Amino acid sequence: MNDKRLYTIILGPHTTEKSVRAASQNCHVFRVALDATKQELTKAVEKLFSVKVESVRTLRIKGKAKQFKQVDGRRSDWKKAYIRLAEGHDINLANFQ
């Protein structure tokens, strides 16, 4: 896997009340590419943030069906990953862009 792919896998942090609670337990939540695998996510996080990843859990969120005036539409599907870090490691998301 090349470095360019690693930089395009993680799209950004996913900040919600639930993800903030998870961060206190050393687990961070990211929006990721739909075709990203757990192995790719592990390598990307370890390389980008210089941390040790303990486990990765992924969820694929289906887009909502919406109606725009009289036209039926659909929001895009997306994927998020819960990344648990090894004890003693932490990610400072304030510097992440």
PDB file of N, CA and C in Angstrom:
ATOM      1  N   MET A   1       0.845  -1.174   0.000  1.00  0.00           N
ATOM      2  CA  MET A   1       0.000   0.000   0.000  1.00  0.00           C
ATOM      3  C   MET A   1       0.892   1.239   0.000  1.00  0.00           C
ATOM      4  N   ASN A   2       0.565   2.208  -0.852  1.00  0.00           N
ATOM      5  CA  ASN A   2       1.392   3.398  -0.932  1.00  0.00           C
ATOM      6  C   ASN A   2       0.934   4.468   0.060  1.00  0.00           C
ATOM      7  N   ASP A   3       1.816   5.438   0.293  1.00  0.00           N
ATOM      8  CA  ASP A   3       1.538   6.494   1.265  1.00  0.00           C
ATOM      9  C   ASP A   3       0.379   7.381   0.837  1.00  0.00           C
ATOM     10  N   LYS A   4       0.209   7.570  -0.461  1.00  0.00           N
ATOM     11  CA  LYS A   4      -0.876   8.422  -0.951  1.00  0.00           C
ATOM     12  C   LYS A   4      -2.229   7.844  -0.546  1.00  0.00           C
ATOM     13  N   ARG A   5      -2.378   6.543  -0.611  1.00  0.00           N
ATOM     14  CA  ARG A   5      -3.624   5.882  -0.214  1.00  0.00           C
ATOM     15  C   ARG A   5      -3.881   6.080   1.279  1.00  0.00           C
ATOM     16  N   LEU A   6      -2.824   5.990   2.096  1.00  0.00           N
ATOM     17  CA  LEU A   6      -2.980   6.164   3.542  1.00  0.00           C
ATOM     18  C   LEU A   6      -3.527   7.544   3.890  1.00  0.00           C
ATOM     19  N   TYR A   7      -3.125   8.557   3.137  1.00  0.00           N
ATOM     20  CA  TYR A   7      -3.566   9.924   3.421  1.00  0.00           C
ATOM     21  C   TYR A   7      -4.989  10.197   2.950  1.00  0.00           C
ATOM     22  N   THR A   8      -5.546   9.341   2.079  1.00  0.00           N
ATOM     23  CA  THR A   8      -6.901   9.572   1.589  1.00  0.00           C
ATOM     24  C   THR A   8      -7.944   8.694   2.288  1.00  0.00           C
ATOM     25  N   ILE A   9      -7.524   7.791   3.143  1.00  0.00           N
ATOM     26  CA  ILE A   9      -8.457   6.893   3.825  1.00  0.00           C
ATOM     27  C   ILE A   9      -9.243   7.627   4.911  1.00  0.00           C
ATOM     28  N   ILE A  10      -8.551   8.375   5.761  1.00  0.00           N
ATOM     29  CA  ILE A  10      -9.209   9.071   6.863  1.00  0.00           C
ATOM     30  C   ILE A  10      -9.675  10.430   6.369  1.00  0.00           C
ATOM     31  N   LEU A  11     -10.994  10.653   6.410  1.00  0.00           N
ATOM     32  CA  LEU A  11     -11.567  11.891   5.903  1.00  0.00           C
ATOM     33  C   LEU A  11     -11.638  12.973   6.972  1.00  0.00           C
ATOM     34  N   GLY A  12     -11.753  12.584   8.218  1.00  0.00           N
ATOM     35  CA  GLY A  12     -11.798  13.566   9.296  1.00  0.00           C
ATOM     36  C   GLY A  12     -12.377  12.976  10.558  1.00  0.00           C
ATOM     37  N   PRO A  13     -12.259  13.700  11.667  1.00  0.00           N
ATOM     38  CA  PRO A  13     -12.850  13.205  12.914  1.00  0.00           C
ATOM     39  C   PRO A  13     -14.362  13.353  12.872  1.00  0.00           C
ATOM     40  N   HIS A  14     -15.049  12.474  13.565  1.00  0.00           N
ATOM     41  CA  HIS A  14     -16.516  12.524  13.659  1.00  0.00           C
ATOM     42  C   HIS A  14     -16.832  12.896  15.102  1.00  0.00           C
ATOM     43  N   THR A  15     -17.275  14.134  15.318  1.00  0.00           N
ATOM     44  CA  THR A  15     -17.466  14.642  16.665  1.00  0.00           C
ATOM     45  C   THR A  15     -18.946  14.688  17.025  1.00  0.00           C
ATOM     46  N   THR A  16     -19.327  13.865  17.977  1.00  0.00           N
ATOM     47  CA  THR A  16     -20.678  13.844  18.533  1.00  0.00           C
ATOM     48  C   THR A  16     -20.534  13.653  20.043  1.00  0.00           C
ATOM     49  N   GLU A  17     -21.642  13.692  20.766  1.00  0.00           N
ATOM     50  CA  GLU A  17     -21.583  13.455  22.208  1.00  0.00           C
ATOM     51  C   GLU A  17     -21.043  12.059  22.500  1.00  0.00           C
ATOM     52  N   LYS A  18     -21.485  11.092  21.709  1.00  0.00           N
ATOM     53  CA  LYS A  18     -21.043   9.716  21.917  1.00  0.00           C
ATOM     54  C   LYS A  18     -19.543   9.571  21.642  1.00  0.00           C
ATOM     55  N   SER A  19     -19.036  10.232  20.602  1.00  0.00           N
ATOM     56  CA  SER A  19     -17.611  10.111  20.282  1.00  0.00           C
ATOM     57  C   SER A  19     -16.737  10.811  21.322  1.00  0.00           C
ATOM     58  N   VAL A  20     -17.256  11.879  21.933  1.00  0.00           N
ATOM     59  CA  VAL A  20     -16.505  12.558  22.995  1.00  0.00           C
ATOM     60  C   VAL A  20     -16.407  11.655  24.228  1.00  0.00           C
ATOM     61  N   ARG A  21     -17.506  10.959  24.558  1.00  0.00           N
ATOM     62  CA  ARG A  21     -17.465   9.997  25.664  1.00  0.00           C
ATOM     63  C   ARG A  21     -16.500   8.855  25.357  1.00  0.00           C
ATOM     64  N   ALA A  22     -16.488   8.396  24.109  1.00  0.00           N
ATOM     65  CA  ALA A  22     -15.585   7.304  23.725  1.00  0.00           C
ATOM     66  C   ALA A  22     -14.128   7.746  23.810  1.00  0.00           C
ATOM     67  N   ALA A  23     -13.857   9.019  23.496  1.00  0.00           N
ATOM     68  CA  ALA A  23     -12.483   9.519  23.539  1.00  0.00           C
ATOM     69  C   ALA A  23     -11.928   9.486  24.956  1.00  0.00           C
ATOM     70  N   SER A  24     -12.789   9.622  25.945  1.00  0.00           N
ATOM     71  CA  SER A  24     -12.313   9.551  27.331  1.00  0.00           C
ATOM     72  C   SER A  24     -11.875   8.125  27.693  1.00  0.00           C
ATOM     73  N   GLN A  25     -12.303   7.151  26.907  1.00  0.00           N
ATOM     74  CA  GLN A  25     -11.911   5.751  27.126  1.00  0.00           C
ATOM     75  C   GLN A  25     -10.873   5.303  26.103  1.00  0.00           C
ATOM     76  N   ASN A  26     -10.141   6.259  25.534  1.00  0.00           N
ATOM     77  CA  ASN A  26      -9.044   6.002  24.600  1.00  0.00           C
ATOM     78  C   ASN A  26      -9.526   5.393  23.278  1.00  0.00           C
ATOM     79  N   CYS A  27     -10.710   5.809  22.812  1.00  0.00           N
ATOM     80  CA  CYS A  27     -11.272   5.344  21.554  1.00  0.00           C
ATOM     81  C   CYS A  27     -11.683   6.572  20.747  1.00  0.00           C
ATOM     82  N   HIS A  28     -11.203   6.692  19.525  1.00  0.00           N
ATOM     83  CA  HIS A  28     -11.479   7.860  18.687  1.00  0.00           C
ATOM     84  C   HIS A  28     -12.309   7.449  17.478  1.00  0.00           C
ATOM     85  N   VAL A  29     -13.166   8.373  17.016  1.00  0.00           N
ATOM     86  CA  VAL A  29     -14.087   8.084  15.925  1.00  0.00           C
ATOM     87  C   VAL A  29     -13.718   8.967  14.731  1.00  0.00           C
ATOM     88  N   PHE A  30     -13.624   8.335  13.543  1.00  0.00           N
ATOM     89  CA  PHE A  30     -13.271   9.039  12.316  1.00  0.00           C
ATOM     90  C   PHE A  30     -14.249   8.696  11.208  1.00  0.00           C
ATOM     91  N   ARG A  31     -14.513   9.665  10.318  1.00  0.00           N
ATOM     92  CA  ARG A  31     -15.187   9.378   9.049  1.00  0.00           C
ATOM     93  C   ARG A  31     -14.108   8.863   8.123  1.00  0.00           C
ATOM     94  N   VAL A  32     -14.382   7.763   7.436  1.00  0.00           N
ATOM     95  CA  VAL A  32     -13.373   7.137   6.583  1.00  0.00           C
ATOM     96  C   VAL A  32     -13.954   6.841   5.206  1.00  0.00           C
ATOM     97  N   ALA A  33     -13.090   6.509   4.273  1.00  0.00           N
ATOM     98  CA  ALA A  33     -13.508   6.164   2.916  1.00  0.00           C
ATOM     99  C   ALA A  33     -14.338   4.886   2.945  1.00  0.00           C
ATOM    100  N   LEU A  34     -15.310   4.800   2.045  1.00  0.00           N
ATOM    101  CA  LEU A  34     -16.203   3.640   2.000  1.00  0.00           C
ATOM    102  C   LEU A  34     -15.468   2.333   1.723  1.00  0.00           C
ATOM    103  N   ASP A  35     -14.378   2.389   0.964  1.00  0.00           N
ATOM    104  CA  ASP A  35     -13.670   1.167   0.598  1.00  0.00           C
ATOM    105  C   ASP A  35     -12.480   0.866   1.508  1.00  0.00           C
ATOM    106  N   ALA A  36     -12.362   1.566   2.631  1.00  0.00           N
ATOM    107  CA  ALA A  36     -11.240   1.357   3.550  1.00  0.00           C
ATOM    108  C   ALA A  36     -11.432   0.062   4.336  1.00  0.00           C
ATOM    109  N   THR A  37     -10.349  -0.700   4.482  1.00  0.00           N
ATOM    110  CA  THR A  37     -10.380  -1.926   5.282  1.00  0.00           C
ATOM    111  C   THR A  37      -9.804  -1.644   6.669  1.00  0.00           C
ATOM    112  N   LYS A  38     -10.021  -2.568   7.593  1.00  0.00           N
ATOM    113  CA  LYS A  38      -9.517  -2.390   8.950  1.00  0.00           C
ATOM    114  C   LYS A  38      -7.986  -2.359   8.976  1.00  0.00           C
ATOM    115  N   GLN A  39      -7.353  -3.176   8.138  1.00  0.00           N
ATOM    116  CA  GLN A  39      -5.892  -3.191   8.089  1.00  0.00           C
ATOM    117  C   GLN A  39      -5.356  -1.852   7.572  1.00  0.00           C
ATOM    118  N   GLU A  40      -6.001  -1.298   6.548  1.00  0.00           N
ATOM    119  CA  GLU A  40      -5.588  -0.005   6.018  1.00  0.00           C
ATOM    120  C   GLU A  40      -5.786   1.097   7.061  1.00  0.00           C
ATOM    121  N   LEU A  41      -6.894   1.049   7.788  1.00  0.00           N
ATOM    122  CA  LEU A  41      -7.156   2.049   8.816  1.00  0.00           C
ATOM    123  C   LEU A  41      -6.111   1.988   9.923  1.00  0.00           C
ATOM    124  N   THR A  42      -5.744   0.778  10.317  1.00  0.00           N
ATOM    125  CA  THR A  42      -4.721   0.619  11.351  1.00  0.00           C
ATOM    126  C   THR A  42      -3.406   1.239  10.900  1.00  0.00           C
ATOM    127  N   LYS A  43      -2.971   0.927   9.686  1.00  0.00           N
ATOM    128  CA  LYS A  43      -1.713   1.473   9.173  1.00  0.00           C
ATOM    129  C   LYS A  43      -1.776   2.982   9.024  1.00  0.00           C
ATOM    130  N   ALA A  44      -2.909   3.501   8.561  1.00  0.00           N
ATOM    131  CA  ALA A  44      -3.050   4.946   8.351  1.00  0.00           C
ATOM    132  C   ALA A  44      -2.981   5.705   9.667  1.00  0.00           C
ATOM    133  N   VAL A  45      -3.692   5.245  10.681  1.00  0.00           N
ATOM    134  CA  VAL A  45      -3.687   5.933  11.977  1.00  0.00           C
ATOM    135  C   VAL A  45      -2.316   5.847  12.625  1.00  0.00           C
ATOM    136  N   GLU A  46      -1.688   4.675  12.560  1.00  0.00           N
ATOM    137  CA  GLU A  46      -0.358   4.525  13.152  1.00  0.00           C
ATOM    138  C   GLU A  46       0.656   5.433  12.466  1.00  0.00           C
ATOM    139  N   LYS A  47       0.548   5.591  11.150  1.00  0.00           N
ATOM    140  CA  LYS A  47       1.501   6.432  10.424  1.00  0.00           C
ATOM    141  C   LYS A  47       1.220   7.923  10.619  1.00  0.00           C
ATOM    142  N   LEU A  48      -0.050   8.320  10.527  1.00  0.00           N
ATOM    143  CA  LEU A  48      -0.390   9.739  10.608  1.00  0.00           C
ATOM    144  C   LEU A  48      -0.208  10.324  12.006  1.00  0.00           C
ATOM    145  N   PHE A  49      -0.553   9.555  13.036  1.00  0.00           N
ATOM    146  CA  PHE A  49      -0.541  10.086  14.394  1.00  0.00           C
ATOM    147  C   PHE A  49       0.569   9.520  15.273  1.00  0.00           C
ATOM    148  N   SER A  50       1.371   8.604  14.772  1.00  0.00           N
ATOM    149  CA  SER A  50       2.472   7.988  15.525  1.00  0.00           C
ATOM    150  C   SER A  50       1.981   7.379  16.833  1.00  0.00           C
ATOM    151  N   VAL A  51       0.960   6.546  16.748  1.00  0.00           N
ATOM    152  CA  VAL A  51       0.397   5.856  17.906  1.00  0.00           C
ATOM    153  C   VAL A  51       0.288   4.369  17.599  1.00  0.00           C
ATOM    154  N   LYS A  52      -0.023   3.583  18.616  1.00  0.00           N
ATOM    155  CA  LYS A  52      -0.222   2.148  18.462  1.00  0.00           C
ATOM    156  C   LYS A  52      -1.724   1.860  18.564  1.00  0.00           C
ATOM    157  N   VAL A  53      -2.273   1.215  17.526  1.00  0.00           N
ATOM    158  CA  VAL A  53      -3.699   0.899  17.483  1.00  0.00           C
ATOM    159  C   VAL A  53      -3.936  -0.482  18.084  1.00  0.00           C
ATOM    160  N   GLU A  54      -4.915  -0.553  18.987  1.00  0.00           N
ATOM    161  CA  GLU A  54      -5.266  -1.824  19.615  1.00  0.00           C
ATOM    162  C   GLU A  54      -6.342  -2.555  18.817  1.00  0.00           C
ATOM    163  N   SER A  55      -7.404  -1.823  18.413  1.00  0.00           N
ATOM    164  CA  SER A  55      -8.474  -2.456  17.642  1.00  0.00           C
ATOM    165  C   SER A  55      -9.193  -1.425  16.787  1.00  0.00           C
ATOM    166  N   VAL A  56      -9.881  -1.925  15.747  1.00  0.00           N
ATOM    167  CA  VAL A  56     -10.648  -1.077  14.839  1.00  0.00           C
ATOM    168  C   VAL A  56     -12.017  -1.712  14.623  1.00  0.00           C
ATOM    169  N   ARG A  57     -13.066  -0.917  14.777  1.00  0.00           N
ATOM    170  CA  ARG A  57     -14.432  -1.352  14.477  1.00  0.00           C
ATOM    171  C   ARG A  57     -15.000  -0.379  13.451  1.00  0.00           C
ATOM    172  N   THR A  58     -15.653  -0.881  12.435  1.00  0.00           N
ATOM    173  CA  THR A  58     -16.202  -0.018  11.399  1.00  0.00           C
ATOM    174  C   THR A  58     -17.712  -0.193  11.295  1.00  0.00           C
ATOM    175  N   LEU A  59     -18.383   0.882  10.892  1.00  0.00           N
ATOM    176  CA  LEU A  59     -19.818   0.875  10.661  1.00  0.00           C
ATOM    177  C   LEU A  59     -20.077   1.558   9.334  1.00  0.00           C
ATOM    178  N   ARG A  60     -21.004   1.012   8.584  1.00  0.00           N
ATOM    179  CA  ARG A  60     -21.404   1.619   7.322  1.00  0.00           C
ATOM    180  C   ARG A  60     -22.798   2.204   7.523  1.00  0.00           C
ATOM    181  N   ILE A  61     -22.913   3.523   7.412  1.00  0.00           N
ATOM    182  CA  ILE A  61     -24.170   4.204   7.655  1.00  0.00           C
ATOM    183  C   ILE A  61     -24.865   4.446   6.315  1.00  0.00           C
ATOM    184  N   LYS A  62     -26.099   3.958   6.223  1.00  0.00           N
ATOM    185  CA  LYS A  62     -26.879   4.126   4.997  1.00  0.00           C
ATOM    186  C   LYS A  62     -27.443   5.541   4.951  1.00  0.00           C
ATOM    187  N   GLY A  63     -27.435   6.146   3.764  1.00  0.00           N
ATOM    188  CA  GLY A  63     -27.967   7.487   3.587  1.00  0.00           C
ATOM    189  C   GLY A  63     -29.487   7.505   3.704  1.00  0.00           C
ATOM    190  N   LYS A  64     -29.992   8.599   4.245  1.00  0.00           N
ATOM    191  CA  LYS A  64     -31.438   8.732   4.421  1.00  0.00           C
ATOM    192  C   LYS A  64     -32.130   8.987   3.094  1.00  0.00           C
ATOM    193  N   ALA A  65     -33.331   8.487   2.978  1.00  0.00           N
ATOM    194  CA  ALA A  65     -34.174   8.822   1.829  1.00  0.00           C
ATOM    195  C   ALA A  65     -34.865  10.145   2.163  1.00  0.00           C
ATOM    196  N   LYS A  66     -34.700  11.134   1.301  1.00  0.00           N
ATOM    197  CA  LYS A  66     -35.269  12.460   1.526  1.00  0.00           C
ATOM    198  C   LYS A  66     -36.099  12.855   0.322  1.00  0.00           C
ATOM    199  N   GLN A  67     -36.943  13.852   0.537  1.00  0.00           N
ATOM    200  CA  GLN A  67     -37.756  14.349  -0.564  1.00  0.00           C
ATOM    201  C   GLN A  67     -37.434  15.828  -0.763  1.00  0.00           C
ATOM    202  N   PHE A  68     -37.011  16.181  -1.960  1.00  0.00           N
ATOM    203  CA  PHE A  68     -36.698  17.555  -2.323  1.00  0.00           C
ATOM    204  C   PHE A  68     -37.815  18.048  -3.233  1.00  0.00           C
ATOM    205  N   LYS A  69     -38.714  18.849  -2.657  1.00  0.00           N
ATOM    206  CA  LYS A  69     -39.953  19.267  -3.336  1.00  0.00           C
ATOM    207  C   LYS A  69     -40.709  18.014  -3.758  1.00  0.00           C
ATOM    208  N   GLN A  70     -40.909  17.761  -5.038  1.00  0.00           N
ATOM    209  CA  GLN A  70     -41.618  16.543  -5.440  1.00  0.00           C
ATOM    210  C   GLN A  70     -40.669  15.455  -5.946  1.00  0.00           C
ATOM    211  N   VAL A  71     -39.388  15.648  -5.784  1.00  0.00           N
ATOM    212  CA  VAL A  71     -38.402  14.699  -6.301  1.00  0.00           C
ATOM    213  C   VAL A  71     -37.853  13.868  -5.142  1.00  0.00           C
ATOM    214  N   ASP A  72     -37.914  12.562  -5.284  1.00  0.00           N
ATOM    215  CA  ASP A  72     -37.327  11.690  -4.274  1.00  0.00           C
ATOM    216  C   ASP A  72     -35.820  11.680  -4.426  1.00  0.00           C
ATOM    217  N   GLY A  73     -35.120  11.773  -3.313  1.00  0.00           N
ATOM    218  CA  GLY A  73     -33.662  11.780  -3.340  1.00  0.00           C
ATOM    219  C   GLY A  73     -33.109  10.916  -2.234  1.00  0.00           C
ATOM    220  N   ARG A  74     -31.814  10.850  -2.180  1.00  0.00           N
ATOM    221  CA  ARG A  74     -31.153  10.027  -1.176  1.00  0.00           C
ATOM    222  C   ARG A  74     -29.813  10.647  -0.826  1.00  0.00           C
ATOM    223  N   ARG A  75     -29.520  10.720   0.465  1.00  0.00           N
ATOM    224  CA  ARG A  75     -28.213  11.192   0.901  1.00  0.00           C
ATOM    225  C   ARG A  75     -27.190  10.078   0.691  1.00  0.00           C
ATOM    226  N   SER A  76     -25.936  10.459   0.621  1.00  0.00           N
ATOM    227  CA  SER A  76     -24.872   9.493   0.365  1.00  0.00           C
ATOM    228  C   SER A  76     -24.641   8.584   1.566  1.00  0.00           C
ATOM    229  N   ASP A  77     -24.256   7.331   1.291  1.00  0.00           N
ATOM    230  CA  ASP A  77     -23.819   6.422   2.345  1.00  0.00           C
ATOM    231  C   ASP A  77     -22.440   6.875   2.805  1.00  0.00           C
ATOM    232  N   TRP A  78     -22.086   6.576   4.061  1.00  0.00           N
ATOM    233  CA  TRP A  78     -20.764   6.903   4.566  1.00  0.00           C
ATOM    234  C   TRP A  78     -20.339   5.868   5.599  1.00  0.00           C
ATOM    235  N   LYS A  79     -19.085   5.922   5.966  1.00  0.00           N
ATOM    236  CA  LYS A  79     -18.515   4.908   6.851  1.00  0.00           C
ATOM    237  C   LYS A  79     -17.767   5.602   7.974  1.00  0.00           C
ATOM    238  N   LYS A  80     -17.891   5.053   9.179  1.00  0.00           N
ATOM    239  CA  LYS A  80     -17.109   5.582  10.294  1.00  0.00           C
ATOM    240  C   LYS A  80     -16.376   4.444  10.973  1.00  0.00           C
ATOM    241  N   ALA A  81     -15.292   4.805  11.651  1.00  0.00           N
ATOM    242  CA  ALA A  81     -14.456   3.809  12.312  1.00  0.00           C
ATOM    243  C   ALA A  81     -14.196   4.224  13.753  1.00  0.00           C
ATOM    244  N   TYR A  82     -14.377   3.266  14.669  1.00  0.00           N
ATOM    245  CA  TYR A  82     -14.010   3.452  16.063  1.00  0.00           C
ATOM    246  C   TYR A  82     -12.623   2.835  16.230  1.00  0.00           C
ATOM    247  N   ILE A  83     -11.652   3.667  16.592  1.00  0.00           N
ATOM    248  CA  ILE A  83     -10.262   3.221  16.690  1.00  0.00           C
ATOM    249  C   ILE A  83      -9.823   3.294  18.146  1.00  0.00           C
ATOM    250  N   ARG A  84      -9.568   2.127  18.734  1.00  0.00           N
ATOM    251  CA  ARG A  84      -9.103   2.077  20.122  1.00  0.00           C
ATOM    252  C   ARG A  84      -7.582   2.036  20.108  1.00  0.00           C
ATOM    253  N   LEU A  85      -7.001   2.930  20.893  1.00  0.00           N
ATOM    254  CA  LEU A  85      -5.546   3.032  20.960  1.00  0.00           C
ATOM    255  C   LEU A  85      -5.011   2.210  22.124  1.00  0.00           C
ATOM    256  N   ALA A  86      -3.765   1.813  22.012  1.00  0.00           N
ATOM    257  CA  ALA A  86      -3.104   1.069  23.084  1.00  0.00           C
ATOM    258  C   ALA A  86      -2.926   1.990  24.285  1.00  0.00           C
ATOM    259  N   GLU A  87      -2.798   1.394  25.438  1.00  0.00           N
ATOM    260  CA  GLU A  87      -2.643   2.146  26.680  1.00  0.00           C
ATOM    261  C   GLU A  87      -1.413   3.056  26.605  1.00  0.00           C
ATOM    262  N   GLY A  88      -1.588   4.301  27.021  1.00  0.00           N
ATOM    263  CA  GLY A  88      -0.482   5.256  27.017  1.00  0.00           C
ATOM    264  C   GLY A  88      -0.376   6.080  25.751  1.00  0.00           C
ATOM    265  N   HIS A  89      -1.170   5.786  24.727  1.00  0.00           N
ATOM    266  CA  HIS A  89      -1.148   6.550  23.476  1.00  0.00           C
ATOM    267  C   HIS A  89      -2.379   7.440  23.416  1.00  0.00           C
ATOM    268  N   ASP A  90      -2.224   8.608  22.753  1.00  0.00           N
ATOM    269  CA  ASP A  90      -3.345   9.533  22.623  1.00  0.00           C
ATOM    270  C   ASP A  90      -3.190  10.333  21.337  1.00  0.00           C
ATOM    271  N   ILE A  91      -4.318  10.791  20.806  1.00  0.00           N
ATOM    272  CA  ILE A  91      -4.342  11.609  19.593  1.00  0.00           C
ATOM    273  C   ILE A  91      -4.858  12.985  19.965  1.00  0.00           C
ATOM    274  N   ASN A  92      -4.140  14.024  19.541  1.00  0.00           N
ATOM    275  CA  ASN A  92      -4.590  15.400  19.751  1.00  0.00           C
ATOM    276  C   ASN A  92      -5.297  15.837  18.475  1.00  0.00           C
ATOM    277  N   LEU A  93      -6.634  15.827  18.482  1.00  0.00           N
ATOM    278  CA  LEU A  93      -7.406  16.153  17.283  1.00  0.00           C
ATOM    279  C   LEU A  93      -7.492  17.652  17.037  1.00  0.00           C
ATOM    280  N   ALA A  94      -7.006  18.486  17.942  1.00  0.00           N
ATOM    281  CA  ALA A  94      -7.035  19.934  17.735  1.00  0.00           C
ATOM    282  C   ALA A  94      -6.137  20.334  16.556  1.00  0.00           C
ATOM    283  N   ASN A  95      -5.102  19.544  16.282  1.00  0.00           N
ATOM    284  CA  ASN A  95      -4.162  19.862  15.200  1.00  0.00           C
ATOM    285  C   ASN A  95      -4.525  19.183  13.889  1.00  0.00           C
ATOM    286  N   PHE A  96      -5.568  18.325  13.898  1.00  0.00           N
ATOM    287  CA  PHE A  96      -5.955  17.565  12.699  1.00  0.00           C
ATOM    288  C   PHE A  96      -6.795  18.423  11.782  1.00  0.00           C
ATOM    289  N   GLN A  97      -6.483  18.407  10.477  1.00  0.00           N
ATOM    290  CA  GLN A  97      -7.251  19.182   9.513  1.00  0.00           C
ATOM    291  C   GLN A  97      -7.734  18.298   8.407  1.00  0.00           C
TER     292      GLN A  97
END
